[in-house]
Amino acid sequence: MGQPLLAAARRRPSMTFALAGGAFALWYVLADPVVALLTGGDPSVPSGPMAVLVAGGFLGGGLLASLLWRRLSGPNSRVRGALVGGLVGLLALPVPMYLLELAVVVMEGTPFEASPGMGPVSALVRGVVLFLVVPLFLGALGVIATLGGTVVVGAATGLALAWE
């Protein structure tokens, strides 16, 4: 059973990373409520933004793996597979933040208000820089919040896919 499953995972590495990222995000979101339920506590229902994390884990893992896995030669060696997988896990967290920012742009216009007296070019540059930097910063905070779990899951997935 294990060999056909691993062969299928190797044929579709972006889907494998997407499933690993989505499953980890789902586990991360549901861990506290399940522990509270099992220990007799009061489980809280995860909020709506937590669903964005699950979708972002799935999309981030899949999109980044489709961009990076073969280009960085992930399947060529175990070490390279683990490194590329860890990179996918590291960079997957900002994807839901970018999705949230795009949603804000679509619904409200610009997510960053221009300062009074700021020229249009400097306001545009400031908006673009903030649009690029804020999700990366929030993604870095996410790596801290998960204690590096996304990087570990990505590296383990890459290692499994590159294992001969």
N, C-alpha and C. Protein backbone atom coordinates (compact mmCIF):
# COMPACT_ATOMS: atom_id res chain seq x y z
N MET A 1 0.82 -1.20 0.00
CA MET A 1 0.00 0.00 0.00
C MET A 1 0.86 1.26 0.00
N GLY A 2 1.99 1.24 0.72
CA GLY A 2 2.82 2.43 0.84
C GLY A 2 3.49 2.84 -0.45
N GLN A 3 3.95 1.86 -1.23
CA GLN A 3 4.66 2.19 -2.46
C GLN A 3 3.77 2.88 -3.50
N PRO A 4 2.55 2.37 -3.78
CA PRO A 4 1.71 3.08 -4.76
C PRO A 4 1.33 4.49 -4.29
N LEU A 5 1.12 4.65 -2.99
CA LEU A 5 0.80 5.97 -2.46
C LEU A 5 1.97 6.93 -2.61
N LEU A 6 3.18 6.45 -2.32
CA LEU A 6 4.37 7.28 -2.46
C LEU A 6 4.64 7.60 -3.93
N ALA A 7 4.40 6.64 -4.81
CA ALA A 7 4.57 6.89 -6.25
C ALA A 7 3.58 7.95 -6.73
N ALA A 8 2.36 7.89 -6.26
CA ALA A 8 1.36 8.91 -6.63
C ALA A 8 1.76 10.28 -6.08
N ALA A 9 2.29 10.31 -4.86
CA ALA A 9 2.73 11.58 -4.26
C ALA A 9 3.88 12.17 -5.06
N ARG A 10 4.79 11.32 -5.54
CA ARG A 10 5.92 11.81 -6.33
C ARG A 10 5.47 12.34 -7.69
N ARG A 11 4.42 11.77 -8.26
CA ARG A 11 3.92 12.25 -9.55
C ARG A 11 3.27 13.62 -9.42
N ARG A 12 2.69 13.92 -8.26
CA ARG A 12 2.01 15.20 -8.04
C ARG A 12 2.56 15.88 -6.79
N PRO A 13 3.81 16.36 -6.84
CA PRO A 13 4.40 16.94 -5.62
C PRO A 13 3.68 18.20 -5.15
N SER A 14 3.15 19.00 -6.06
CA SER A 14 2.46 20.21 -5.61
C SER A 14 1.19 19.85 -4.83
N MET A 15 0.48 18.81 -5.26
CA MET A 15 -0.70 18.37 -4.51
C MET A 15 -0.29 17.77 -3.17
N THR A 16 0.84 17.08 -3.13
CA THR A 16 1.32 16.50 -1.88
C THR A 16 1.66 17.60 -0.88
N PHE A 17 2.36 18.64 -1.34
CA PHE A 17 2.67 19.76 -0.44
C PHE A 17 1.40 20.49 -0.04
N ALA A 18 0.44 20.62 -0.95
CA ALA A 18 -0.83 21.28 -0.61
C ALA A 18 -1.55 20.51 0.48
N LEU A 19 -1.63 19.20 0.33
CA LEU A 19 -2.30 18.39 1.35
C LEU A 19 -1.56 18.42 2.68
N ALA A 20 -0.24 18.38 2.64
CA ALA A 20 0.54 18.45 3.88
C ALA A 20 0.35 19.80 4.56
N GLY A 21 0.39 20.90 3.78
CA GLY A 21 0.20 22.23 4.35
C GLY A 21 -1.20 22.43 4.89
N GLY A 22 -2.20 21.98 4.15
CA GLY A 22 -3.58 22.10 4.62
C GLY A 22 -3.85 21.26 5.85
N ALA A 23 -3.30 20.04 5.87
CA ALA A 23 -3.50 19.16 7.03
C ALA A 23 -2.82 19.74 8.27
N PHE A 24 -1.61 20.29 8.09
CA PHE A 24 -0.93 20.90 9.25
C PHE A 24 -1.70 22.11 9.74
N ALA A 25 -2.18 22.94 8.83
CA ALA A 25 -2.94 24.12 9.24
C ALA A 25 -4.23 23.72 9.93
N LEU A 26 -4.90 22.69 9.43
CA LEU A 26 -6.12 22.20 10.07
C LEU A 26 -5.82 21.67 11.47
N TRP A 27 -4.74 20.91 11.58
CA TRP A 27 -4.35 20.41 12.89
C TRP A 27 -4.04 21.57 13.84
N TYR A 28 -3.34 22.58 13.35
CA TYR A 28 -2.97 23.72 14.18
C TYR A 28 -4.21 24.46 14.67
N VAL A 29 -5.20 24.62 13.79
CA VAL A 29 -6.42 25.35 14.14
C VAL A 29 -7.29 24.55 15.11
N LEU A 30 -7.33 23.23 14.93
CA LEU A 30 -8.23 22.41 15.74
C LEU A 30 -7.58 21.81 16.99
N ALA A 31 -6.28 21.97 17.17
CA ALA A 31 -5.60 21.33 18.30
C ALA A 31 -6.16 21.79 19.65
N ASP A 32 -6.28 23.07 19.87
CA ASP A 32 -6.75 23.57 21.17
C ASP A 32 -8.20 23.17 21.44
N PRO A 33 -9.14 23.35 20.50
CA PRO A 33 -10.51 22.91 20.79
C PRO A 33 -10.63 21.41 21.05
N VAL A 34 -9.87 20.59 20.35
CA VAL A 34 -9.94 19.14 20.57
C VAL A 34 -9.38 18.78 21.93
N VAL A 35 -8.27 19.37 22.31
CA VAL A 35 -7.69 19.11 23.64
C VAL A 35 -8.66 19.55 24.72
N ALA A 36 -9.28 20.72 24.53
CA ALA A 36 -10.26 21.19 25.52
C ALA A 36 -11.45 20.24 25.61
N LEU A 37 -11.90 19.73 24.49
CA LEU A 37 -13.02 18.80 24.48
C LEU A 37 -12.65 17.49 25.17
N LEU A 38 -11.46 16.99 24.92
CA LEU A 38 -11.04 15.72 25.51
C LEU A 38 -10.75 15.83 27.00
N THR A 39 -10.34 17.00 27.44
CA THR A 39 -10.03 17.17 28.87
C THR A 39 -11.22 17.69 29.67
N GLY A 40 -12.37 17.83 29.03
CA GLY A 40 -13.56 18.26 29.74
C GLY A 40 -13.69 19.76 29.84
N GLY A 41 -12.87 20.49 29.15
CA GLY A 41 -12.94 21.96 29.16
C GLY A 41 -14.00 22.46 28.21
N ASP A 42 -14.03 23.75 28.05
CA ASP A 42 -15.00 24.38 27.16
C ASP A 42 -14.32 24.66 25.81
N PRO A 43 -14.59 23.82 24.80
CA PRO A 43 -13.93 24.04 23.51
C PRO A 43 -14.51 25.27 22.80
N SER A 44 -13.62 26.07 22.26
CA SER A 44 -14.08 27.23 21.51
C SER A 44 -14.02 26.91 20.02
N VAL A 45 -15.00 27.38 19.30
CA VAL A 45 -15.05 27.16 17.86
C VAL A 45 -14.04 28.10 17.21
N PRO A 46 -13.21 27.59 16.31
CA PRO A 46 -12.24 28.46 15.63
C PRO A 46 -12.96 29.58 14.86
N SER A 47 -12.34 30.74 14.84
CA SER A 47 -12.93 31.89 14.16
C SER A 47 -12.77 31.78 12.66
N GLY A 48 -13.46 32.66 11.95
CA GLY A 48 -13.42 32.68 10.49
C GLY A 48 -12.02 32.85 9.90
N PRO A 49 -11.22 33.78 10.43
CA PRO A 49 -9.86 33.92 9.89
C PRO A 49 -9.02 32.65 10.00
N MET A 50 -9.35 31.79 10.95
CA MET A 50 -8.61 30.53 11.06
C MET A 50 -8.87 29.64 9.84
N ALA A 51 -10.05 29.73 9.26
CA ALA A 51 -10.34 28.98 8.03
C ALA A 51 -9.46 29.48 6.89
N VAL A 52 -9.14 30.77 6.91
CA VAL A 52 -8.25 31.32 5.89
C VAL A 52 -6.86 30.71 6.04
N LEU A 53 -6.43 30.43 7.26
CA LEU A 53 -5.14 29.79 7.47
C LEU A 53 -5.11 28.39 6.87
N VAL A 54 -6.21 27.65 7.03
CA VAL A 54 -6.28 26.31 6.46
C VAL A 54 -6.24 26.38 4.94
N ALA A 55 -7.05 27.27 4.37
CA ALA A 55 -7.04 27.45 2.91
C ALA A 55 -5.67 27.95 2.45
N GLY A 56 -5.08 28.84 3.21
CA GLY A 56 -3.76 29.37 2.87
C GLY A 56 -2.68 28.31 2.97
N GLY A 57 -2.77 27.42 3.95
CA GLY A 57 -1.81 26.33 4.05
C GLY A 57 -1.90 25.41 2.84
N PHE A 58 -3.11 25.14 2.42
CA PHE A 58 -3.32 24.31 1.24
C PHE A 58 -2.82 25.02 -0.01
N LEU A 59 -3.28 26.25 -0.21
CA LEU A 59 -2.87 27.00 -1.41
C LEU A 59 -1.38 27.35 -1.40
N GLY A 60 -0.88 27.79 -0.25
CA GLY A 60 0.52 28.16 -0.15
C GLY A 60 1.45 26.99 -0.42
N GLY A 61 1.15 25.85 0.18
CA GLY A 61 1.97 24.67 -0.06
C GLY A 61 1.94 24.25 -1.51
N GLY A 62 0.75 24.23 -2.10
CA GLY A 62 0.62 23.80 -3.49
C GLY A 62 1.24 24.76 -4.48
N LEU A 63 0.96 26.04 -4.31
CA LEU A 63 1.50 27.03 -5.26
C LEU A 63 3.02 27.12 -5.19
N LEU A 64 3.54 27.18 -3.99
CA LEU A 64 5.00 27.30 -3.85
C LEU A 64 5.71 26.04 -4.31
N ALA A 65 5.13 24.88 -4.05
CA ALA A 65 5.76 23.64 -4.52
C ALA A 65 5.75 23.59 -6.04
N SER A 66 4.66 24.05 -6.66
CA SER A 66 4.63 24.04 -8.13
C SER A 66 5.67 25.00 -8.71
N LEU A 67 5.99 26.06 -7.96
CA LEU A 67 7.00 27.01 -8.43
C LEU A 67 8.43 26.57 -8.11
N LEU A 68 8.64 25.93 -6.97
CA LEU A 68 10.00 25.70 -6.48
C LEU A 68 10.51 24.27 -6.57
N TRP A 69 9.64 23.27 -6.47
CA TRP A 69 10.09 21.89 -6.29
C TRP A 69 11.03 21.43 -7.41
N ARG A 70 10.61 21.52 -8.64
CA ARG A 70 11.45 21.04 -9.75
C ARG A 70 12.52 22.07 -10.13
N ARG A 71 12.19 23.35 -10.02
CA ARG A 71 13.17 24.39 -10.39
C ARG A 71 14.41 24.35 -9.50
N LEU A 72 14.22 24.02 -8.24
CA LEU A 72 15.34 23.95 -7.30
C LEU A 72 15.84 22.51 -7.14
N SER A 73 15.44 21.63 -8.02
CA SER A 73 15.89 20.23 -8.05
C SER A 73 15.60 19.48 -6.76
N GLY A 74 14.42 19.68 -6.21
CA GLY A 74 14.02 18.98 -4.99
C GLY A 74 14.05 17.47 -5.10
N PRO A 75 13.60 16.89 -6.23
CA PRO A 75 13.59 15.42 -6.29
C PRO A 75 14.96 14.78 -6.50
N ASN A 76 16.02 15.55 -6.72
CA ASN A 76 17.32 14.99 -7.07
C ASN A 76 18.09 14.38 -5.90
N SER A 77 17.86 14.85 -4.68
CA SER A 77 18.55 14.26 -3.53
C SER A 77 17.71 14.48 -2.28
N ARG A 78 18.00 13.67 -1.27
CA ARG A 78 17.24 13.79 -0.02
C ARG A 78 17.49 15.13 0.66
N VAL A 79 18.75 15.55 0.66
CA VAL A 79 19.10 16.82 1.32
C VAL A 79 18.43 17.97 0.60
N ARG A 80 18.54 17.99 -0.72
CA ARG A 80 17.92 19.06 -1.50
C ARG A 80 16.40 19.01 -1.36
N GLY A 81 15.84 17.81 -1.33
CA GLY A 81 14.39 17.67 -1.13
C GLY A 81 13.94 18.25 0.20
N ALA A 82 14.70 17.95 1.26
CA ALA A 82 14.36 18.49 2.58
C ALA A 82 14.53 20.00 2.60
N LEU A 83 15.58 20.52 1.97
CA LEU A 83 15.80 21.98 1.95
C LEU A 83 14.71 22.70 1.16
N VAL A 84 14.38 22.18 -0.01
CA VAL A 84 13.34 22.81 -0.81
C VAL A 84 11.99 22.70 -0.10
N GLY A 85 11.72 21.55 0.50
CA GLY A 85 10.48 21.39 1.27
C GLY A 85 10.41 22.34 2.45
N GLY A 86 11.52 22.51 3.15
CA GLY A 86 11.55 23.47 4.26
C GLY A 86 11.32 24.89 3.77
N LEU A 87 11.87 25.23 2.61
CA LEU A 87 11.65 26.55 2.03
C LEU A 87 10.18 26.75 1.67
N VAL A 88 9.57 25.71 1.12
CA VAL A 88 8.13 25.78 0.82
C VAL A 88 7.35 26.00 2.11
N GLY A 89 7.71 25.26 3.17
CA GLY A 89 7.03 25.43 4.45
C GLY A 89 7.23 26.81 5.06
N LEU A 90 8.41 27.37 4.87
CA LEU A 90 8.71 28.70 5.40
C LEU A 90 7.92 29.78 4.66
N LEU A 91 7.89 29.68 3.34
CA LEU A 91 7.25 30.73 2.54
C LEU A 91 5.75 30.54 2.38
N ALA A 92 5.20 29.41 2.80
CA ALA A 92 3.77 29.16 2.63
C ALA A 92 2.92 30.03 3.55
N LEU A 93 3.46 30.41 4.70
CA LEU A 93 2.65 31.19 5.66
C LEU A 93 2.23 32.57 5.16
N PRO A 94 3.08 33.29 4.44
CA PRO A 94 2.60 34.59 3.96
C PRO A 94 1.49 34.51 2.92
N VAL A 95 1.28 33.36 2.29
CA VAL A 95 0.26 33.26 1.24
C VAL A 95 -1.13 33.63 1.75
N PRO A 96 -1.59 33.11 2.92
CA PRO A 96 -2.91 33.55 3.39
C PRO A 96 -2.95 35.04 3.71
N MET A 97 -1.81 35.60 4.13
CA MET A 97 -1.78 37.04 4.41
C MET A 97 -1.94 37.84 3.12
N TYR A 98 -1.30 37.37 2.04
CA TYR A 98 -1.49 38.03 0.75
C TYR A 98 -2.94 37.90 0.29
N LEU A 99 -3.54 36.74 0.52
CA LEU A 99 -4.94 36.56 0.14
C LEU A 99 -5.85 37.52 0.91
N LEU A 100 -5.57 37.69 2.20
CA LEU A 100 -6.36 38.64 3.00
C LEU A 100 -6.16 40.07 2.50
N GLU A 101 -4.92 40.43 2.17
CA GLU A 101 -4.67 41.78 1.66
C GLU A 101 -5.37 42.00 0.33
N LEU A 102 -5.34 41.01 -0.55
CA LEU A 102 -6.04 41.14 -1.83
C LEU A 102 -7.54 41.28 -1.61
N ALA A 103 -8.08 40.56 -0.63
CA ALA A 103 -9.50 40.70 -0.32
C ALA A 103 -9.82 42.10 0.17
N VAL A 104 -8.94 42.67 0.98
CA VAL A 104 -9.14 44.04 1.46
C VAL A 104 -9.08 45.02 0.30
N VAL A 105 -8.13 44.82 -0.62
CA VAL A 105 -8.01 45.71 -1.77
C VAL A 105 -9.27 45.65 -2.63
N VAL A 106 -9.78 44.43 -2.85
CA VAL A 106 -10.98 44.28 -3.67
C VAL A 106 -12.18 44.91 -3.00
N MET A 107 -12.30 44.76 -1.69
CA MET A 107 -13.49 45.24 -0.99
C MET A 107 -13.42 46.72 -0.64
N GLU A 108 -12.25 47.21 -0.28
CA GLU A 108 -12.17 48.57 0.25
C GLU A 108 -11.24 49.50 -0.51
N GLY A 109 -10.49 48.99 -1.44
CA GLY A 109 -9.50 49.82 -2.10
C GLY A 109 -8.14 49.53 -1.49
N THR A 110 -7.41 50.55 -1.19
CA THR A 110 -6.07 50.36 -0.64
C THR A 110 -6.12 50.01 0.85
N PRO A 111 -5.32 49.03 1.30
CA PRO A 111 -5.32 48.70 2.72
C PRO A 111 -4.48 49.67 3.56
N PHE A 112 -3.68 50.51 2.92
CA PHE A 112 -2.81 51.42 3.64
C PHE A 112 -3.18 52.85 3.27
N GLU A 113 -3.53 53.63 4.25
CA GLU A 113 -3.89 55.02 4.03
C GLU A 113 -2.65 55.87 3.78
N ALA A 114 -2.73 56.76 2.82
CA ALA A 114 -1.62 57.67 2.54
C ALA A 114 -1.56 58.76 3.61
N SER A 115 -0.36 59.15 3.94
CA SER A 115 -0.18 60.22 4.92
C SER A 115 -0.51 61.56 4.27
N PRO A 116 -1.00 62.53 5.05
CA PRO A 116 -1.29 63.85 4.48
C PRO A 116 -0.02 64.49 3.93
N GLY A 117 -0.13 65.08 2.76
CA GLY A 117 1.00 65.76 2.14
C GLY A 117 1.92 64.83 1.36
N MET A 118 1.58 63.57 1.30
CA MET A 118 2.41 62.62 0.57
C MET A 118 2.04 62.67 -0.92
N GLY A 119 3.04 62.73 -1.77
CA GLY A 119 2.81 62.77 -3.19
C GLY A 119 2.29 61.43 -3.72
N PRO A 120 1.70 61.43 -4.92
CA PRO A 120 1.14 60.18 -5.44
C PRO A 120 2.18 59.09 -5.69
N VAL A 121 3.37 59.48 -6.15
CA VAL A 121 4.41 58.47 -6.42
C VAL A 121 4.91 57.87 -5.11
N SER A 122 5.17 58.71 -4.12
CA SER A 122 5.65 58.19 -2.84
C SER A 122 4.56 57.37 -2.15
N ALA A 123 3.29 57.76 -2.32
CA ALA A 123 2.20 56.97 -1.75
C ALA A 123 2.12 55.60 -2.43
N LEU A 124 2.32 55.56 -3.74
CA LEU A 124 2.31 54.29 -4.47
C LEU A 124 3.47 53.40 -4.03
N VAL A 125 4.65 53.97 -3.94
CA VAL A 125 5.83 53.20 -3.51
C VAL A 125 5.63 52.67 -2.10
N ARG A 126 5.13 53.53 -1.22
CA ARG A 126 4.87 53.12 0.17
C ARG A 126 3.85 51.98 0.20
N GLY A 127 2.77 52.09 -0.58
CA GLY A 127 1.75 51.05 -0.62
C GLY A 127 2.28 49.72 -1.13
N VAL A 128 3.09 49.77 -2.18
CA VAL A 128 3.66 48.54 -2.73
C VAL A 128 4.62 47.90 -1.74
N VAL A 129 5.47 48.70 -1.11
CA VAL A 129 6.41 48.15 -0.14
C VAL A 129 5.66 47.52 1.03
N LEU A 130 4.64 48.21 1.53
CA LEU A 130 3.86 47.66 2.64
C LEU A 130 3.12 46.40 2.20
N PHE A 131 2.61 46.39 0.97
CA PHE A 131 1.90 45.23 0.45
C PHE A 131 2.82 44.02 0.39
N LEU A 132 4.10 44.24 0.11
CA LEU A 132 5.05 43.14 0.04
C LEU A 132 5.61 42.76 1.41
N VAL A 133 5.86 43.74 2.27
CA VAL A 133 6.55 43.49 3.53
C VAL A 133 5.61 42.99 4.63
N VAL A 134 4.42 43.54 4.73
CA VAL A 134 3.51 43.17 5.83
C VAL A 134 3.19 41.68 5.83
N PRO A 135 2.80 41.07 4.71
CA PRO A 135 2.55 39.62 4.75
C PRO A 135 3.79 38.80 5.09
N LEU A 136 4.96 39.23 4.63
CA LEU A 136 6.18 38.50 4.99
C LEU A 136 6.44 38.59 6.49
N PHE A 137 6.20 39.75 7.07
CA PHE A 137 6.36 39.93 8.51
C PHE A 137 5.35 39.06 9.27
N LEU A 138 4.10 39.08 8.83
CA LEU A 138 3.08 38.26 9.49
C LEU A 138 3.37 36.77 9.31
N GLY A 139 3.90 36.41 8.15
CA GLY A 139 4.31 35.02 7.94
C GLY A 139 5.42 34.61 8.88
N ALA A 140 6.38 35.51 9.10
CA ALA A 140 7.47 35.23 10.04
C ALA A 140 6.91 35.05 11.45
N LEU A 141 5.94 35.87 11.82
CA LEU A 141 5.31 35.69 13.13
C LEU A 141 4.59 34.35 13.20
N GLY A 142 4.02 33.92 12.08
CA GLY A 142 3.36 32.62 12.03
C GLY A 142 4.33 31.48 12.24
N VAL A 143 5.54 31.60 11.70
CA VAL A 143 6.56 30.57 11.92
C VAL A 143 6.89 30.50 13.40
N ILE A 144 6.95 31.65 14.05
CA ILE A 144 7.22 31.68 15.49
C ILE A 144 6.06 31.05 16.25
N ALA A 145 4.82 31.38 15.85
CA ALA A 145 3.64 30.86 16.55
C ALA A 145 3.52 29.34 16.42
N THR A 146 3.91 28.80 15.27
CA THR A 146 3.84 27.34 15.08
C THR A 146 5.12 26.65 15.54
N LEU A 147 6.02 27.40 16.12
CA LEU A 147 7.31 26.87 16.59
C LEU A 147 8.08 26.19 15.45
N GLY A 148 7.96 26.77 14.26
CA GLY A 148 8.66 26.23 13.10
C GLY A 148 8.02 24.99 12.51
N GLY A 149 6.82 24.69 12.93
CA GLY A 149 6.14 23.48 12.47
C GLY A 149 5.94 23.44 10.97
N THR A 150 5.67 24.59 10.36
CA THR A 150 5.47 24.60 8.91
C THR A 150 6.74 24.23 8.17
N VAL A 151 7.87 24.68 8.69
CA VAL A 151 9.15 24.35 8.07
C VAL A 151 9.44 22.86 8.24
N VAL A 152 9.16 22.32 9.41
CA VAL A 152 9.40 20.90 9.66
C VAL A 152 8.50 20.03 8.77
N VAL A 153 7.23 20.39 8.67
CA VAL A 153 6.30 19.63 7.81
C VAL A 153 6.74 19.71 6.36
N GLY A 154 7.14 20.89 5.90
CA GLY A 154 7.62 21.03 4.53
C GLY A 154 8.87 20.22 4.28
N ALA A 155 9.82 20.27 5.22
CA ALA A 155 11.06 19.51 5.07
C ALA A 155 10.79 18.01 5.08
N ALA A 156 9.91 17.56 5.96
CA ALA A 156 9.58 16.12 6.01
C ALA A 156 8.89 15.68 4.73
N THR A 157 8.02 16.51 4.19
CA THR A 157 7.35 16.20 2.93
C THR A 157 8.36 16.13 1.80
N GLY A 158 9.26 17.11 1.74
CA GLY A 158 10.29 17.11 0.70
C GLY A 158 11.21 15.91 0.82
N LEU A 159 11.57 15.55 2.05
CA LEU A 159 12.42 14.39 2.27
C LEU A 159 11.73 13.12 1.79
N ALA A 160 10.45 12.98 2.14
CA ALA A 160 9.69 11.79 1.73
C ALA A 160 9.57 11.71 0.21
N LEU A 161 9.37 12.83 -0.44
CA LEU A 161 9.24 12.83 -1.90
C LEU A 161 10.56 12.54 -2.60
N ALA A 162 11.66 12.94 -2.00
CA ALA A 162 12.98 12.74 -2.63
C ALA A 162 13.60 11.41 -2.26
N TRP A 163 13.03 10.68 -1.30
CA TRP A 163 13.61 9.43 -0.83
C TRP A 163 13.51 8.37 -1.92
N GLU A 164 14.61 7.71 -2.19
CA GLU A 164 14.62 6.65 -3.22
C GLU A 164 14.55 5.31 -2.58
